[in-house]
Every structure is written in structure tokens, then in C-alpha cells.
Amino acid sequence: MATLISAFGSSFQYGYNVAAVNSPSVIMKQFYNNTYFGRTGQLIDKFSLTLLWSITVSMFPFGGFVGSILVGPLVNQFGRKGALLFNNVFSVVPAVFMGSSKAAQSYELIIISRLLVGVCAGVSSNVVPMYLGELAPKNLRGALGVVPQLFITIGILVAQLVGLRNALASETGWPFLLALTGIPAVLQLLVLPFFPESPRYLLIQKCDGVAARKALQRLRGWDDVEAEMKEIQQEDEAERAEGFISVWKLFRLRPLRWQLVSIIVLMGGQQLSGVNAIYYYADQIYLDAGVASGDVQYVTAGTGAVNVFMTVVTVFVVELWGRRLLLLLGFSICLVSCGVLTISLALQGQVSGMPYVSITCVIAYVIGHALGPSPIPALYITEIFLQSSRPAAFMVGGSVHWLSNFTVGLIFPFIQIGLGPYSFIIFAIICLLTTIYISLVVPETKGRTFIEINQIFAKKNKVLDVQTGKEMTDLPSATIL
């Protein structure tokens, strides 16, 4: 229940706001024009209207970047659950603004609101995996860690469904479409206070062993939680001398070098592998394949349903197959899909049947990304960092995630103009390089405690040699056990 309410109240909003403005974009641009005409008696020129809409869309990933920067201070000050509750301010307020923007004749309210819901998404995309990873038993950590991504995909699908032209993507319905993002936030504000805080936060950072034990007993459903308490206490003792690790300190610590490089590669690979470009290009691919323009919205929603289904599959197989295999399999499928898609797009006007190959590639790419690249990187951040460095690690990973997202959204249209169908070669190369890195560096973390995973990386960082004791001088206490 803690997993469901935290993921629905936070991760769902991330996915919903990714897709919410896509369907009503034409109607909203007309609202921008009408509002400007009402103020000045003139219509907005084409360039200014395009710029205004570009700012509206890009405020969301920019807000996500700002939210990622806020993660560390929020989780350290308010706790994991407290940060999620506080974060709902960045959802309820913009929901009210967007819902009243048409009545107020103000497109500025929409732009400000997109920034605020972006902050909400930036915080939630980092805090929810952290919260769930810390409260989950190790045998369920992978499955629960994928649930936030599942709710992101559900949010995208719901936005696509309520954004159909015969639903809320209408002249009168679009303010309600945008305002719906506040409903999960209100539900979370009402329900989440009744659920436990992260036991690891309570014991390690608040030094409250009694509260930590009670939280574990509620979460597990039995009284004997001494084994887990001992494991958390071992982590506490190992980290006590290290204290708070800032982002700057994280970059300077040799014993955390490969963990840091790994999250940068995984988060960068996740967003730079072309997932947003695939969705951007999908409508045109469907049109070229002969799908009627009025039916493209339904096919796009069908693609969103495939994304949800495959993420559900990942929830059930992540503890069976492991994180590393899913990452390798997912990026490999994306690599092949991008390569074949490049060929099919280049030959689309020359060889019959190629449009259908393109559709197959889009669906295959979505399946591959849902298996590993979408859900696993955030889970990895929780698993490969200990309590003192985890907030800073999520700040770094989240910043890479949102800056990469923003970069692709900004430059892909220009890449598409310059390279045309060969745009996806760039993404294929990124998928290949990420796959090679994972195969060489990233370990399997399934079924291991945080301390055990930390020891694996300590060896990779060449700071732990129990036989000779060499290179122990700059070893932080977090790796000594």
C-alpha cells in the first residue's frame, strides 16, 4: 500500500504531465493567440507563437532539473515520506493555476504551472525510488523499485486516453485535462501520512531506533525484525564517521568513483537512447504507414498500452532475471530497433511494406526500453549507494536525467531536419556504448544487501584489499565492514 500510494501520488503525475499537453496543443495555441489578440488587438506572429509553445513544453524538463537539485535538502530535512508530502505543493498549486488559466485569460499561468509540475516530477522521480528501495525487503526491492516507472507509463497512457479529441482535448475540456494532475496529489496528502517513514532514514539519520523498529514491524507484518535492524545498524556504524556527503564531495570520493560513473552512464543512456525521439517520430511513422490522421491518436494510445504492459512484465521478472540482464536485453533491443528503423525510414518510399517495418521497430523499441532502460537506472541508484551518499547520488542522476531529456527535446527537431531518417544512427550508437559499459562494469545486485553491493564496487574502485591492506588510506568508512 505504501508503494502504491507513493507511486500513484507522485510518479503518475510525472507520466501524466509528459503527455498531457500533446493532444490539445493546437487548441491551446489558439487560446494563446486569442488571449494575445484580446490584449493588443493583434495576433501573435508565427515565430513568437512557436517560441511561446516551445517554452511551455520545455518548462517541464527544466522544472524537473530544478526538482532534482532540491532532492538532497528535502529528503535530509523532511525524510523520504515528508519530502513526498511537501512535494505535493508543486502539484496542487499548478493544477489550480492551469484549471483557471482559460477563465483568467492568462497563458502565463500555464507556463508557470509547467515549471512547477516539472519541479514536482523532478523531486518525485528521485524520492519515490529512494523511499521504496529503503523500505522494501531485499527479495522484493527490484519489483517495488520498478513500480514508480509502471505508474509513469500509466500516467502517460491515461493522459493519452483522456486527451482524445472526443474526450477532454476540446475547446472547453483542455483546462480540466491539465488540472487533473492535482487529484493524485490530494489523495496522497490524505493517505500517505498514515504510512511509515523509511526505517533506514529513522535509524541512520534520525538516530531513532525505536521508531525504526516500529516502522519495520508495520511494514513486514511481524514483530521479529532483528535481522534487518542489525543489517541497518551495521550500515549505520560503517557510515557514522563519514557524515553527510554533498554532491561536490561525491565527485571527489575515489571509493564511489565507479558508482558515480555508472549512474551517469545509465541515466544518460536512458534519455539519450532516443526514447523521446521515438515518441516524437511515431505519429509520422503511423501516417506514412497508411494510418488515417484521425486514427493516429488511437494507435499512439495503443503504443502507450504496450509500454504499460511491458513494465508490468518487468515488475514480475526483475527479481527472476536480475537487473543487469534486463538492462543488457533492453538496450540491445533498442539498438537493433534503431538500426532497422534507420534502414526502413530510408527505404520507405522505395520498397513496399517498409512503413509496416517502421511500425514494428517503434513497438519493439518501446518493449525494449520498458524492459530495462526505463525502470532499472533509478533502482540501481538506490542499490549501489549507501545512506549517506544516496541523496547526493539521486541529485546527480536526476540532473543527468532531466538535462538529457531537455537536450533531446531541444535539438532532435534540428537533427531530424539535418539527418532525416539517419537521425536514429546517433541513438543506436548511444545504445551500443551503454550496452558495452553495462557488460564491462555494472554488477548484478539482485538479492544482495546494500553493504554487499558496496563491497563489490569497493573492489572495482581498488580501495579494498583484505589480503594486503593496500590502498586503504583514502577508504571512507562506508566501505569498511
Protein backbone atom coordinates (compact mmCIF):
# COMPACT_ATOMS: atom_id res chain seq x y z
CA MET A 1 0.00 0.00 0.00
CA ALA A 2 2.87 2.38 0.77
CA THR A 3 4.29 1.57 -2.66
CA LEU A 4 1.01 2.13 -4.46
CA ILE A 5 0.07 5.41 -2.76
CA SER A 6 3.53 6.93 -3.12
CA ALA A 7 3.89 5.85 -6.76
CA PHE A 8 0.35 6.88 -7.76
CA GLY A 9 0.51 10.17 -5.91
CA SER A 10 3.90 11.14 -7.38
CA SER A 11 5.17 9.02 -10.31
CA PHE A 12 1.76 9.02 -12.00
CA GLN A 13 1.89 12.82 -12.21
CA TYR A 14 5.28 12.67 -13.92
CA GLY A 15 3.94 10.48 -16.71
CA TYR A 16 0.65 12.36 -16.95
CA ASN A 17 2.31 15.74 -17.43
CA VAL A 18 4.72 14.35 -20.02
CA ALA A 19 1.80 13.65 -22.36
CA ALA A 20 -0.99 15.97 -21.15
CA VAL A 21 -0.21 18.91 -23.47
CA ASN A 22 0.34 16.85 -26.63
CA SER A 23 -3.26 16.24 -27.72
CA PRO A 24 -4.70 19.73 -27.02
CA SER A 25 -1.65 21.57 -28.38
CA VAL A 26 -3.48 23.03 -31.41
CA ILE A 27 -6.38 24.26 -29.27
CA MET A 28 -4.04 25.68 -26.63
CA LYS A 29 -2.02 27.56 -29.26
CA GLN A 30 -5.27 29.10 -30.47
CA PHE A 31 -6.01 30.13 -26.87
CA TYR A 32 -2.58 31.79 -26.72
CA ASN A 33 -3.42 33.67 -29.93
CA ASN A 34 -6.89 34.71 -28.79
CA THR A 35 -5.55 35.89 -25.42
CA TYR A 36 -2.84 37.99 -27.06
CA PHE A 37 -5.39 39.42 -29.53
CA GLY A 38 -7.68 40.37 -26.66
CA ARG A 39 -4.85 42.29 -25.01
CA THR A 40 -3.29 44.00 -28.03
CA GLY A 41 -5.76 43.73 -30.89
CA GLN A 42 -3.12 41.81 -32.88
CA LEU A 43 -2.40 38.14 -33.49
CA ILE A 44 0.91 36.61 -32.40
CA ASP A 45 3.30 36.13 -35.30
CA LYS A 46 4.23 32.55 -36.19
CA PHE A 47 7.74 32.69 -34.72
CA SER A 48 6.57 34.15 -31.40
CA LEU A 49 3.77 31.59 -31.10
CA THR A 50 6.24 28.75 -31.77
CA LEU A 51 8.60 30.21 -29.18
CA LEU A 52 5.82 30.55 -26.59
CA TRP A 53 4.76 26.94 -27.12
CA SER A 54 8.35 25.73 -27.02
CA ILE A 55 8.81 27.50 -23.67
CA THR A 56 5.58 25.94 -22.40
CA VAL A 57 6.75 22.43 -23.26
CA SER A 58 10.38 22.87 -22.18
CA MET A 59 9.47 24.33 -18.78
CA PHE A 60 8.54 20.82 -17.65
CA PRO A 61 12.00 19.20 -18.06
CA PHE A 62 13.64 22.40 -16.80
CA GLY A 63 11.48 22.20 -13.69
CA GLY A 64 12.49 18.54 -13.41
CA PHE A 65 16.13 19.60 -13.29
CA VAL A 66 15.35 22.14 -10.55
CA GLY A 67 13.46 19.47 -8.62
CA SER A 68 16.43 17.10 -8.84
CA ILE A 69 18.64 19.75 -7.24
CA LEU A 70 16.13 20.06 -4.37
CA VAL A 71 16.07 16.31 -3.63
CA GLY A 72 19.03 16.23 -1.24
CA PRO A 73 17.93 19.09 1.04
CA LEU A 74 14.31 17.86 1.09
CA VAL A 75 14.98 14.21 1.99
CA ASN A 76 17.57 15.14 4.60
CA GLN A 77 15.35 17.78 6.19
CA PHE A 78 11.90 16.17 5.98
CA GLY A 79 12.66 12.48 5.41
CA ARG A 80 11.59 10.43 2.40
CA LYS A 81 7.87 10.42 3.20
CA GLY A 82 7.96 14.03 4.36
CA ALA A 83 9.62 15.12 1.11
CA LEU A 84 6.86 13.42 -0.89
CA LEU A 85 4.18 15.15 1.16
CA PHE A 86 5.86 18.55 0.81
CA ASN A 87 6.29 17.95 -2.92
CA ASN A 88 2.53 17.91 -3.45
CA VAL A 89 2.55 21.70 -3.14
CA PHE A 90 4.21 21.70 -6.58
CA SER A 91 1.26 19.74 -7.96
CA VAL A 92 -1.84 21.17 -6.28
CA VAL A 93 -0.95 24.82 -6.89
CA PRO A 94 -0.21 24.44 -10.63
CA ALA A 95 -3.31 22.24 -11.04
CA VAL A 96 -5.40 25.17 -9.77
CA PHE A 97 -3.47 27.61 -11.98
CA MET A 98 -3.88 25.50 -15.14
CA GLY A 99 -7.54 24.80 -14.44
CA SER A 100 -8.29 28.51 -14.12
CA SER A 101 -5.97 29.76 -16.89
CA LYS A 102 -8.68 29.99 -19.54
CA ALA A 103 -11.10 31.84 -17.25
CA ALA A 104 -8.27 34.18 -16.25
CA GLN A 105 -7.26 34.64 -19.92
CA SER A 106 -3.62 34.03 -18.98
CA TYR A 107 -1.27 31.69 -20.80
CA GLU A 108 1.43 32.84 -18.36
CA LEU A 109 -0.31 30.73 -15.69
CA ILE A 110 0.19 27.65 -17.89
CA ILE A 111 3.90 28.36 -18.40
CA ILE A 112 4.48 28.92 -14.66
CA SER A 113 2.47 25.79 -13.88
CA ARG A 114 4.53 23.66 -16.26
CA LEU A 115 7.63 24.77 -14.40
CA LEU A 116 6.07 23.89 -11.03
CA VAL A 117 4.79 20.45 -12.08
CA GLY A 118 8.24 19.87 -13.55
CA VAL A 119 9.71 20.53 -10.10
CA CYS A 120 7.17 18.05 -8.70
CA ALA A 121 8.22 15.43 -11.27
CA GLY A 122 11.92 16.08 -10.63
CA VAL A 123 11.51 15.53 -6.90
CA SER A 124 9.19 12.51 -7.19
CA SER A 125 11.24 10.73 -9.86
CA ASN A 126 14.11 10.61 -7.36
CA VAL A 127 12.43 10.41 -3.94
CA VAL A 128 9.90 7.65 -4.73
CA PRO A 129 12.55 5.09 -5.83
CA MET A 130 14.65 6.09 -2.80
CA TYR A 131 11.72 5.68 -0.39
CA LEU A 132 10.60 2.34 -1.83
CA GLY A 133 14.15 0.98 -2.06
CA GLU A 134 14.76 1.75 1.60
CA LEU A 135 11.54 0.26 2.95
CA ALA A 136 11.50 -2.87 0.74
CA PRO A 137 12.93 -6.22 1.86
CA LYS A 138 15.85 -7.21 -0.37
CA ASN A 139 13.91 -10.00 -2.08
CA LEU A 140 11.25 -7.51 -3.24
CA ARG A 141 13.44 -4.42 -3.73
CA GLY A 142 13.64 -4.87 -7.50
CA ALA A 143 9.91 -5.42 -8.02
CA LEU A 144 8.91 -2.48 -5.81
CA GLY A 145 11.64 -0.36 -7.40
CA VAL A 146 10.07 -0.82 -10.85
CA VAL A 147 6.59 0.23 -9.67
CA PRO A 148 7.34 4.00 -9.98
CA GLN A 149 8.18 3.51 -13.66
CA LEU A 150 4.96 1.48 -14.05
CA PHE A 151 2.93 4.41 -12.75
CA ILE A 152 4.82 6.79 -15.03
CA THR A 153 3.71 4.70 -18.03
CA ILE A 154 0.16 4.51 -16.65
CA GLY A 155 0.17 8.30 -16.30
CA ILE A 156 1.23 8.66 -19.94
CA LEU A 157 -1.49 6.26 -21.08
CA VAL A 158 -4.20 7.97 -19.01
CA ALA A 159 -3.18 11.36 -20.45
CA GLN A 160 -3.40 9.88 -23.96
CA LEU A 161 -6.86 8.45 -23.27
CA VAL A 162 -8.43 11.50 -21.61
CA GLY A 163 -6.65 13.60 -24.25
CA LEU A 164 -8.56 12.01 -27.11
CA ARG A 165 -10.39 14.54 -29.25
CA ASN A 166 -13.78 13.17 -28.21
CA ALA A 167 -12.79 13.32 -24.52
CA LEU A 168 -11.10 16.35 -22.91
CA ALA A 169 -8.90 17.57 -25.78
CA SER A 170 -11.57 20.08 -26.77
CA GLU A 171 -12.19 23.81 -26.68
CA THR A 172 -13.88 23.58 -23.28
CA GLY A 173 -12.18 20.49 -21.87
CA TRP A 174 -8.44 21.21 -22.04
CA PRO A 175 -8.26 23.22 -18.74
CA PHE A 176 -9.80 20.24 -16.93
CA LEU A 177 -7.36 17.91 -18.73
CA LEU A 178 -4.41 19.87 -17.32
CA ALA A 179 -5.96 20.29 -13.86
CA LEU A 180 -6.48 16.54 -13.34
CA THR A 181 -2.85 16.28 -12.24
CA GLY A 182 -3.87 17.61 -8.82
CA ILE A 183 -6.13 14.66 -7.96
CA PRO A 184 -3.34 12.13 -7.20
CA ALA A 185 -1.57 14.78 -5.11
CA VAL A 186 -4.66 15.40 -2.95
CA LEU A 187 -5.12 11.64 -2.49
CA GLN A 188 -1.50 11.25 -1.40
CA LEU A 189 -1.80 14.15 1.05
CA LEU A 190 -4.80 12.44 2.65
CA VAL A 191 -3.44 8.88 2.82
CA LEU A 192 0.39 8.83 2.90
CA PRO A 193 0.69 10.33 6.44
CA PHE A 194 -0.70 7.05 7.80
CA PHE A 195 2.21 5.02 6.36
CA PRO A 196 5.68 4.54 7.90
CA GLU A 197 8.75 6.62 7.17
CA SER A 198 11.82 4.85 5.77
CA PRO A 199 13.29 2.72 8.60
CA ARG A 200 16.81 3.42 7.33
CA TYR A 201 16.24 7.16 7.49
CA LEU A 202 14.81 6.88 11.00
CA LEU A 203 17.70 4.81 12.35
CA ILE A 204 20.73 6.17 10.45
CA GLN A 205 19.86 9.84 10.04
CA LYS A 206 17.39 10.47 12.89
CA CYS A 207 19.10 8.03 15.31
CA ASP A 208 15.65 6.81 16.41
CA GLY A 209 15.94 3.05 16.82
CA VAL A 210 12.51 2.69 18.44
CA ALA A 211 10.71 4.41 15.54
CA ALA A 212 12.77 2.45 13.01
CA ARG A 213 11.83 -0.87 14.66
CA LYS A 214 8.13 0.08 14.77
CA ALA A 215 8.24 1.09 11.09
CA LEU A 216 9.84 -2.23 10.13
CA GLN A 217 7.31 -4.20 12.17
CA ARG A 218 4.40 -2.39 10.45
CA LEU A 219 5.91 -2.88 7.01
CA ARG A 220 6.78 -6.56 7.50
CA GLY A 221 3.71 -7.58 9.44
CA TRP A 222 5.61 -9.40 12.21
CA ASP A 223 7.49 -8.46 15.35
CA ASP A 224 10.82 -10.23 14.77
CA VAL A 225 12.75 -7.72 12.65
CA GLU A 226 16.07 -8.05 14.48
CA ALA A 227 17.96 -9.41 11.44
CA GLU A 228 17.06 -6.33 9.37
CA MET A 229 17.69 -3.99 12.29
CA LYS A 230 21.16 -5.50 12.65
CA GLU A 231 21.89 -5.03 8.95
CA ILE A 232 20.78 -1.37 9.10
CA GLN A 233 22.85 -0.84 12.27
CA GLN A 234 25.91 -2.29 10.51
CA GLU A 235 25.43 0.23 7.72
CA ASP A 236 24.99 2.97 10.33
CA GLU A 237 28.22 2.01 12.10
CA ALA A 238 30.12 1.77 8.82
CA GLU A 239 28.98 5.25 7.74
CA ARG A 240 28.96 7.10 11.04
CA ALA A 241 32.38 8.70 10.58
CA GLU A 242 31.60 9.77 7.02
CA GLY A 243 28.67 12.03 7.82
CA PHE A 244 26.74 13.89 5.15
CA ILE A 245 28.11 13.54 1.60
CA SER A 246 27.40 16.50 -0.66
CA VAL A 247 27.38 16.38 -4.46
CA TRP A 248 30.79 18.05 -4.54
CA LYS A 249 32.20 15.55 -2.07
CA LEU A 250 30.62 12.68 -4.02
CA PHE A 251 32.58 13.67 -7.13
CA ARG A 252 35.83 13.74 -5.16
CA LEU A 253 35.50 10.38 -3.37
CA ARG A 254 37.58 7.70 -5.05
CA PRO A 255 35.72 4.81 -3.33
CA LEU A 256 32.47 5.95 -5.02
CA ARG A 257 34.02 6.62 -8.43
CA TRP A 258 32.55 3.70 -10.42
CA GLN A 259 29.16 4.02 -8.73
CA LEU A 260 29.02 7.67 -9.81
CA VAL A 261 30.19 6.96 -13.36
CA SER A 262 27.65 4.13 -13.61
CA ILE A 263 24.63 6.24 -12.70
CA ILE A 264 25.72 9.00 -15.10
CA VAL A 265 26.07 6.45 -17.92
CA LEU A 266 22.79 4.69 -17.09
CA MET A 267 20.75 7.89 -16.71
CA GLY A 268 22.35 9.47 -19.78
CA GLY A 269 21.86 6.28 -21.79
CA GLN A 270 18.24 6.09 -20.68
CA GLN A 271 17.34 9.53 -22.06
CA LEU A 272 19.85 9.86 -24.93
CA SER A 273 19.00 6.45 -26.40
CA GLY A 274 16.14 8.00 -28.35
CA VAL A 275 13.03 7.19 -26.33
CA ASN A 276 11.62 10.72 -26.61
CA ALA A 277 12.59 10.89 -30.29
CA ILE A 278 10.77 7.61 -30.95
CA TYR A 279 7.58 9.04 -29.50
CA TYR A 280 8.16 12.29 -31.40
CA TYR A 281 8.58 10.40 -34.68
CA ALA A 282 5.86 7.79 -34.06
CA ASP A 283 2.92 9.82 -35.38
CA GLN A 284 4.66 10.48 -38.69
CA ILE A 285 5.62 6.80 -38.99
CA TYR A 286 1.99 5.79 -38.45
CA LEU A 287 0.80 8.32 -41.04
CA ASP A 288 3.34 7.07 -43.60
CA ALA A 289 2.15 3.51 -42.97
CA GLY A 290 -1.34 4.50 -44.07
CA VAL A 291 -2.98 5.12 -40.70
CA ALA A 292 -5.66 7.78 -41.09
CA SER A 293 -4.77 11.07 -39.41
CA GLY A 294 -7.87 10.85 -37.23
CA ASP A 295 -6.88 7.37 -36.04
CA VAL A 296 -3.25 8.13 -35.16
CA GLN A 297 -4.26 9.17 -31.64
CA TYR A 298 -5.71 5.70 -31.04
CA VAL A 299 -2.62 3.94 -32.36
CA THR A 300 -0.44 6.17 -30.15
CA ALA A 301 -2.59 5.22 -27.14
CA GLY A 302 -2.14 1.57 -28.16
CA THR A 303 1.64 2.08 -28.06
CA GLY A 304 1.24 3.54 -24.59
CA ALA A 305 -0.73 0.43 -23.56
CA VAL A 306 2.14 -1.78 -24.81
CA ASN A 307 4.52 0.31 -22.68
CA VAL A 308 2.36 -0.25 -19.58
CA PHE A 309 2.05 -3.99 -20.23
CA MET A 310 5.80 -4.50 -20.65
CA THR A 311 6.54 -2.51 -17.49
CA VAL A 312 4.11 -4.81 -15.62
CA VAL A 313 6.10 -7.74 -17.02
CA THR A 314 9.31 -6.15 -15.73
CA VAL A 315 7.83 -5.89 -12.21
CA PHE A 316 7.42 -9.67 -12.18
CA VAL A 317 10.70 -10.69 -13.87
CA VAL A 318 13.19 -8.24 -12.31
CA GLU A 319 13.75 -10.49 -9.29
CA LEU A 320 13.87 -13.57 -11.51
CA TRP A 321 16.17 -12.39 -14.31
CA GLY A 322 18.06 -9.69 -12.41
CA ARG A 323 18.75 -6.02 -13.15
CA ARG A 324 21.86 -6.49 -15.27
CA LEU A 325 20.25 -8.91 -17.74
CA LEU A 326 17.21 -6.66 -18.18
CA LEU A 327 19.46 -3.66 -18.88
CA LEU A 328 21.53 -5.60 -21.44
CA LEU A 329 18.45 -7.09 -23.08
CA GLY A 330 16.58 -3.78 -23.15
CA PHE A 331 19.41 -1.68 -24.60
CA SER A 332 20.19 -4.43 -27.15
CA ILE A 333 16.58 -4.44 -28.38
CA CYS A 334 16.66 -0.62 -28.61
CA LEU A 335 19.97 -0.82 -30.53
CA VAL A 336 18.59 -3.26 -33.11
CA SER A 337 15.30 -1.32 -33.39
CA CYS A 338 17.10 1.97 -34.07
CA GLY A 339 19.32 0.33 -36.69
CA VAL A 340 16.45 -1.36 -38.55
CA LEU A 341 14.28 1.77 -38.21
CA THR A 342 17.00 3.83 -39.91
CA ILE A 343 17.03 1.42 -42.87
CA SER A 344 13.24 1.21 -43.12
CA LEU A 345 12.80 5.00 -42.99
CA ALA A 346 15.47 5.48 -45.66
CA LEU A 347 13.76 2.93 -47.96
CA GLN A 348 10.17 3.83 -47.05
CA GLY A 349 9.39 5.48 -50.37
CA GLN A 350 11.21 2.87 -52.47
CA VAL A 351 10.30 -0.54 -51.04
CA SER A 352 6.73 -1.61 -50.36
CA GLY A 353 5.98 -2.79 -46.85
CA MET A 354 8.69 -0.68 -45.22
CA PRO A 355 6.19 1.51 -43.34
CA TYR A 356 4.99 -1.60 -41.51
CA VAL A 357 8.60 -2.49 -40.67
CA SER A 358 8.90 1.00 -39.18
CA ILE A 359 5.81 0.47 -37.02
CA THR A 360 7.24 -2.87 -35.85
CA CYS A 361 10.51 -1.13 -34.93
CA VAL A 362 8.68 1.52 -32.89
CA ILE A 363 6.76 -1.12 -30.94
CA ALA A 364 9.92 -3.25 -30.47
CA TYR A 365 11.81 -0.19 -29.20
CA VAL A 366 9.05 0.58 -26.70
CA ILE A 367 9.15 -3.03 -25.48
CA GLY A 368 12.94 -2.96 -25.11
CA HIS A 369 13.01 0.35 -23.26
CA ALA A 370 10.24 -0.77 -20.89
CA LEU A 371 12.18 -3.93 -20.02
CA GLY A 372 15.33 -2.27 -18.73
CA PRO A 373 16.43 1.26 -19.71
CA SER A 374 13.28 2.95 -18.35
CA PRO A 375 12.79 1.30 -14.92
CA ILE A 376 16.18 -0.04 -13.83
CA PRO A 377 18.56 3.00 -13.60
CA ALA A 378 16.66 4.69 -10.72
CA LEU A 379 16.52 1.35 -8.91
CA TYR A 380 20.28 1.00 -9.33
CA ILE A 381 20.92 4.36 -7.66
CA THR A 382 19.11 3.14 -4.54
CA GLU A 383 21.05 -0.12 -4.51
CA ILE A 384 24.64 0.90 -5.26
CA PHE A 385 24.85 3.83 -2.82
CA LEU A 386 24.63 3.74 0.97
CA GLN A 387 22.53 6.04 3.14
CA SER A 388 24.98 8.94 3.47
CA SER A 389 25.66 9.26 -0.28
CA ARG A 390 22.25 8.23 -1.67
CA PRO A 391 20.60 11.72 -1.68
CA ALA A 392 23.61 13.26 -3.48
CA ALA A 393 23.63 10.35 -5.95
CA PHE A 394 19.96 10.89 -6.75
CA MET A 395 20.64 14.61 -7.25
CA VAL A 396 23.35 13.75 -9.80
CA GLY A 397 21.32 11.02 -11.50
CA GLY A 398 18.20 13.16 -11.61
CA SER A 399 20.09 16.13 -13.04
CA VAL A 400 21.58 13.95 -15.80
CA HIS A 401 18.12 12.50 -16.49
CA TRP A 402 16.36 15.85 -16.86
CA LEU A 403 19.18 17.68 -18.67
CA SER A 404 19.40 14.81 -21.18
CA ASN A 405 15.62 14.89 -21.58
CA PHE A 406 15.72 18.64 -22.15
CA THR A 407 18.63 18.34 -24.62
CA VAL A 408 16.93 15.70 -26.78
CA GLY A 409 13.69 17.69 -26.86
CA LEU A 410 15.58 20.82 -27.83
CA ILE A 411 17.93 19.52 -30.54
CA PHE A 412 16.13 16.50 -32.02
CA PRO A 413 13.95 18.57 -34.40
CA PHE A 414 17.14 20.11 -35.82
CA ILE A 415 18.85 16.70 -36.04
CA GLN A 416 15.79 15.42 -37.86
CA ILE A 417 15.96 18.29 -40.36
CA GLY A 418 19.67 17.75 -40.93
CA LEU A 419 19.88 13.95 -41.00
CA GLY A 420 16.31 12.88 -41.76
CA PRO A 421 15.89 9.09 -41.42
CA TYR A 422 19.53 8.72 -40.39
CA SER A 423 18.85 10.53 -37.08
CA PHE A 424 18.43 7.21 -35.30
CA ILE A 425 22.02 6.15 -36.06
CA ILE A 426 23.06 8.52 -33.24
CA PHE A 427 20.72 6.77 -30.83
CA ALA A 428 21.87 3.34 -31.99
CA ILE A 429 25.48 4.32 -31.20
CA ILE A 430 24.48 5.53 -27.73
CA CYS A 431 22.61 2.24 -27.11
CA LEU A 432 25.68 0.29 -28.22
CA LEU A 433 28.09 2.23 -25.99
CA THR A 434 25.75 1.93 -22.99
CA THR A 435 25.38 -1.83 -23.55
CA ILE A 436 29.18 -2.25 -23.69
CA TYR A 437 29.61 -0.27 -20.46
CA ILE A 438 26.97 -2.33 -18.63
CA SER A 439 28.57 -5.60 -19.76
CA LEU A 440 32.00 -4.48 -18.53
CA VAL A 441 31.25 -2.55 -15.33
CA VAL A 442 27.72 -2.85 -13.91
CA PRO A 443 27.31 -5.79 -11.47
CA GLU A 444 24.20 -7.78 -10.66
CA THR A 445 22.58 -6.52 -7.44
CA LYS A 446 19.64 -8.94 -7.16
CA GLY A 447 19.23 -10.41 -3.67
CA ARG A 448 22.21 -8.55 -2.16
CA THR A 449 22.23 -6.17 0.79
CA PHE A 450 23.40 -2.59 0.33
CA ILE A 451 26.62 -3.42 2.20
CA GLU A 452 27.34 -6.43 -0.06
CA ILE A 453 26.79 -4.33 -3.20
CA ASN A 454 29.06 -1.63 -1.77
CA GLN A 455 31.81 -4.20 -1.25
CA ILE A 456 31.60 -5.27 -4.93
CA PHE A 457 32.21 -1.69 -6.02
CA ALA A 458 34.94 -1.23 -3.42
CA LYS A 459 36.93 -3.89 -5.27
CA LYS A 460 36.26 -2.18 -8.61
CA ASN A 461 37.46 1.09 -7.10
CA LYS A 462 40.60 -0.69 -5.84
CA VAL A 463 40.18 0.56 -2.32
CA LEU A 464 39.53 -2.72 -0.56
CA ASP A 465 42.17 -5.43 -0.37
CA VAL A 466 41.58 -7.64 2.64
CA GLN A 467 44.69 -9.68 1.91
CA THR A 468 47.32 -6.96 1.69
CA GLY A 469 45.60 -3.92 3.15
CA LYS A 470 46.93 -1.78 0.27
CA GLU A 471 45.20 1.40 -0.86
CA MET A 472 43.19 1.65 2.34
CA THR A 473 44.29 5.17 3.25
CA ASP A 474 41.55 7.03 1.42
CA LEU A 475 38.85 4.45 2.07
CA PRO A 476 35.75 6.03 3.58
CA SER A 477 34.09 4.27 6.46
CA ALA A 478 31.14 3.42 4.19
CA THR A 479 33.20 0.65 2.57
CA ILE A 480 34.76 -0.81 5.73
CA LEU A 481 32.95 -3.79 7.20
